[in-house]
C-alpha atoms as a PDB file:
ATOM      1  CA  MET A   1      -0.080  -0.377   0.152  1.00  0.00           C
ATOM      2  CA  ASN A   2       1.154   3.724  -0.487  1.00  0.00           C
ATOM      3  CA  ARG A   3       0.572   6.777   1.681  1.00  0.00           C
ATOM      4  CA  ARG A   4      -2.519   7.790  -0.695  1.00  0.00           C
ATOM      5  CA  GLU A   5      -4.005   4.221  -0.407  1.00  0.00           C
ATOM      6  CA  ILE A   6      -3.609   4.211   3.268  1.00  0.00           C
ATOM      7  CA  ALA A   7      -5.164   7.720   3.813  1.00  0.00           C
ATOM      8  CA  GLU A   8      -8.223   6.564   1.586  1.00  0.00           C
ATOM      9  CA  LYS A   9      -8.593   3.568   3.650  1.00  0.00           C
ATOM     10  CA  GLY A  10      -8.280   5.500   6.809  1.00  0.00           C
ATOM     11  CA  GLY A  11     -10.739   8.305   6.008  1.00  0.00           C
ATOM     12  CA  ILE A  12      -8.022  11.257   5.940  1.00  0.00           C
ATOM     13  CA  SER A  13      -6.668  13.525   3.512  1.00  0.00           C
ATOM     14  CA  LYS A  14      -3.352  12.248   1.904  1.00  0.00           C
ATOM     15  CA  SER A  15      -1.420  15.692   3.225  1.00  0.00           C
ATOM     16  CA  SER A  16      -2.739  15.074   6.782  1.00  0.00           C
ATOM     17  CA  LEU A  17      -0.945  11.462   6.777  1.00  0.00           C
ATOM     18  CA  SER A  18       2.125  13.126   5.701  1.00  0.00           C
ATOM     19  CA  ARG A  19       2.084  15.817   8.173  1.00  0.00           C
ATOM     20  CA  PHE A  20       1.541  13.383  10.672  1.00  0.00           C
ATOM     21  CA  LEU A  21       4.396  10.972   9.695  1.00  0.00           C
ATOM     22  CA  ALA A  22       6.855  13.965   9.279  1.00  0.00           C
ATOM     23  CA  GLY A  23       6.117  14.635  13.050  1.00  0.00           C
ATOM     24  CA  GLU A  24       4.480  17.950  12.242  1.00  0.00           C
ATOM     25  CA  THR A  25       0.729  17.308  13.509  1.00  0.00           C
ATOM     26  CA  ASP A  26      -1.203  14.819  15.391  1.00  0.00           C
ATOM     27  CA  LEU A  27      -4.115  12.870  13.899  1.00  0.00           C
ATOM     28  CA  GLY A  28      -6.111  12.476  17.433  1.00  0.00           C
ATOM     29  CA  ALA A  29      -7.133   9.097  18.673  1.00  0.00           C
ATOM     30  CA  SER A  30     -10.096   8.152  16.431  1.00  0.00           C
ATOM     31  CA  ARG A  31      -8.375   9.434  13.092  1.00  0.00           C
ATOM     32  CA  LEU A  32      -4.978   7.245  14.335  1.00  0.00           C
ATOM     33  CA  GLU A  33      -7.025   4.058  14.992  1.00  0.00           C
ATOM     34  CA  SER A  34      -8.265   4.771  11.502  1.00  0.00           C
ATOM     35  CA  VAL A  35      -5.197   4.922   9.796  1.00  0.00           C
ATOM     36  CA  ILE A  36      -3.918   1.764  11.831  1.00  0.00           C
ATOM     37  CA  ASN A  37      -6.832  -0.284  11.080  1.00  0.00           C
ATOM     38  CA  ALA A  38      -6.299   0.743   7.274  1.00  0.00           C
ATOM     39  CA  LEU A  39      -3.105  -0.891   7.422  1.00  0.00           C
ATOM     40  CA  PRO A  40      -2.560  -4.575   5.966  1.00  0.00           C
ATOM     41  CA  GLU A  41      -1.991  -6.880   9.525  1.00  0.00           C
ATOM     42  CA  GLU A  42       1.675  -7.436   8.444  1.00  0.00           C
ATOM     43  CA  ALA A  43       2.280  -3.514   8.561  1.00  0.00           C
ATOM     44  CA  LYS A  44       0.075  -2.969  11.389  1.00  0.00           C
ATOM     45  CA  SER A  45       2.315  -5.282  13.414  1.00  0.00           C
ATOM     46  CA  ARG A  46       5.729  -3.831  12.050  1.00  0.00           C
ATOM     47  CA  PHE A  47       4.203  -0.641  13.318  1.00  0.00           C
ATOM     48  CA  PHE A  48       3.506  -1.782  16.848  1.00  0.00           C
ATOM     49  CA  LEU A  49       6.607  -3.642  17.162  1.00  0.00           C
ATOM     50  CA  LEU A  50       8.643  -0.553  16.084  1.00  0.00           C
ATOM     51  CA  LEU A  51       6.972   1.229  19.297  1.00  0.00           C
ATOM     52  CA  SER A  52       8.755  -1.022  21.618  1.00  0.00           C
ATOM     53  CA  PRO A  53      11.950  -2.995  22.098  1.00  0.00           C
ATOM     54  CA  PRO A  54      11.693  -6.106  24.258  1.00  0.00           C
ATOM     55  CA  ILE A  55      12.205  -5.636  28.122  1.00  0.00           C
ATOM     56  CA  SER A  56      14.387  -7.685  29.864  1.00  0.00           C
ATOM     57  CA  THR A  57      13.363  -9.548  32.827  1.00  0.00           C
ATOM     58  CA  PRO A  58      15.326  -9.231  36.167  1.00  0.00           C
ATOM     59  CA  ASN A  59      17.631 -12.102  35.271  1.00  0.00           C
ATOM     60  CA  GLY A  60      18.625  -9.953  32.129  1.00  0.00           C
ATOM     61  CA  SER A  61      17.322 -12.294  29.571  1.00  0.00           C
ATOM     62  CA  PRO A  62      14.976 -11.046  27.083  1.00  0.00           C
ATOM     63  CA  GLY A  63      11.217 -10.551  28.396  1.00  0.00           C
ATOM     64  CA  LEU A  64       8.052  -9.779  26.471  1.00  0.00           C
ATOM     65  CA  SER A  65       8.108  -6.417  24.681  1.00  0.00           C
ATOM     66  CA  LEU A  66       6.021  -3.865  26.028  1.00  0.00           C
ATOM     67  CA  LEU A  67       4.008  -4.310  22.814  1.00  0.00           C
ATOM     68  CA  ALA A  68       3.198  -8.082  23.935  1.00  0.00           C
ATOM     69  CA  ARG A  69       2.431  -6.661  27.528  1.00  0.00           C
ATOM     70  CA  LEU A  70       0.043  -4.634  25.840  1.00  0.00           C
ATOM     71  CA  GLU A  71      -1.483  -6.799  23.420  1.00  0.00           C
ATOM     72  CA  ASN A  72      -2.213  -9.055  26.332  1.00  0.00           C
ATOM     73  CA  HIS A  73      -3.416  -6.517  27.887  1.00  0.00           C
ATOM     74  CA  LEU A  74      -5.848  -5.182  25.338  1.00  0.00           C
ATOM     75  CA  LYS A  75      -7.289  -8.818  24.314  1.00  0.00           C
ATOM     76  CA  GLY A  76      -9.296  -8.367  27.709  1.00  0.00           C
ATOM     77  CA  CYS A  77     -10.413  -4.615  27.256  1.00  0.00           C
ATOM     78  CA  ASP A  78     -13.681  -3.410  26.048  1.00  0.00           C
ATOM     79  CA  GLN A  79     -14.202  -0.719  23.183  1.00  0.00           C
ATOM     80  CA  GLN A  80     -14.156   2.239  25.958  1.00  0.00           C
ATOM     81  CA  GLN A  81     -10.978   0.866  27.816  1.00  0.00           C
ATOM     82  CA  PHE A  82      -9.195   0.577  24.447  1.00  0.00           C
ATOM     83  CA  MET A  83      -9.962   4.019  23.681  1.00  0.00           C
ATOM     84  CA  GLU A  84      -8.501   4.988  26.526  1.00  0.00           C
ATOM     85  CA  VAL A  85      -5.270   3.068  26.002  1.00  0.00           C
ATOM     86  CA  LEU A  86      -5.071   4.625  22.575  1.00  0.00           C
ATOM     87  CA  LYS A  87      -5.727   8.368  23.597  1.00  0.00           C
ATOM     88  CA  ILE A  88      -2.620   7.593  26.261  1.00  0.00           C
ATOM     89  CA  VAL A  89      -0.491   6.699  23.288  1.00  0.00           C
ATOM     90  CA  VAL A  90      -1.680   9.664  21.153  1.00  0.00           C
ATOM     91  CA  ASP A  91      -1.395  11.892  24.236  1.00  0.00           C
ATOM     92  CA  ALA A  92       2.345  10.843  24.963  1.00  0.00           C
ATOM     93  CA  ARG A  93       3.133  11.375  21.071  1.00  0.00           C
ATOM     94  CA  ARG A  94       1.678  14.703  21.297  1.00  0.00           C
ATOM     95  CA  GLU A  95       4.028  15.591  24.291  1.00  0.00           C
ATOM     96  CA  ARG A  96       7.145  14.633  22.581  1.00  0.00           C
ATOM     97  CA  LEU A  97       6.310  16.614  19.432  1.00  0.00           C
ATOM     98  CA  GLU A  98       5.504  19.381  21.640  1.00  0.00           C
ATOM     99  CA  ALA A  99       9.069  19.028  23.418  1.00  0.00           C
ATOM    100  CA  ASN A 100      11.043  19.084  20.298  1.00  0.00           C
END
């Protein structure tokens, strides 16, 4: 998929997607969710894996990544809880963009 296809399937403009990917703007939770849902499954997995490296266990061996822990948590969430978690992620990204 290219950016145009992702933007169309996600229901946003290509320019909004481009500005988001460049770190110039924030999409907000609902638009970000739409874009993520527009991605092919493999791309979604890659996107989430890039968010979080593995976390070492107390004995120093690799443990579950933060993403894997989040995924396990989200499996038990209802829609409202899922959206609350997504809002936290979006807010953290916004804070990082504003700090730069």
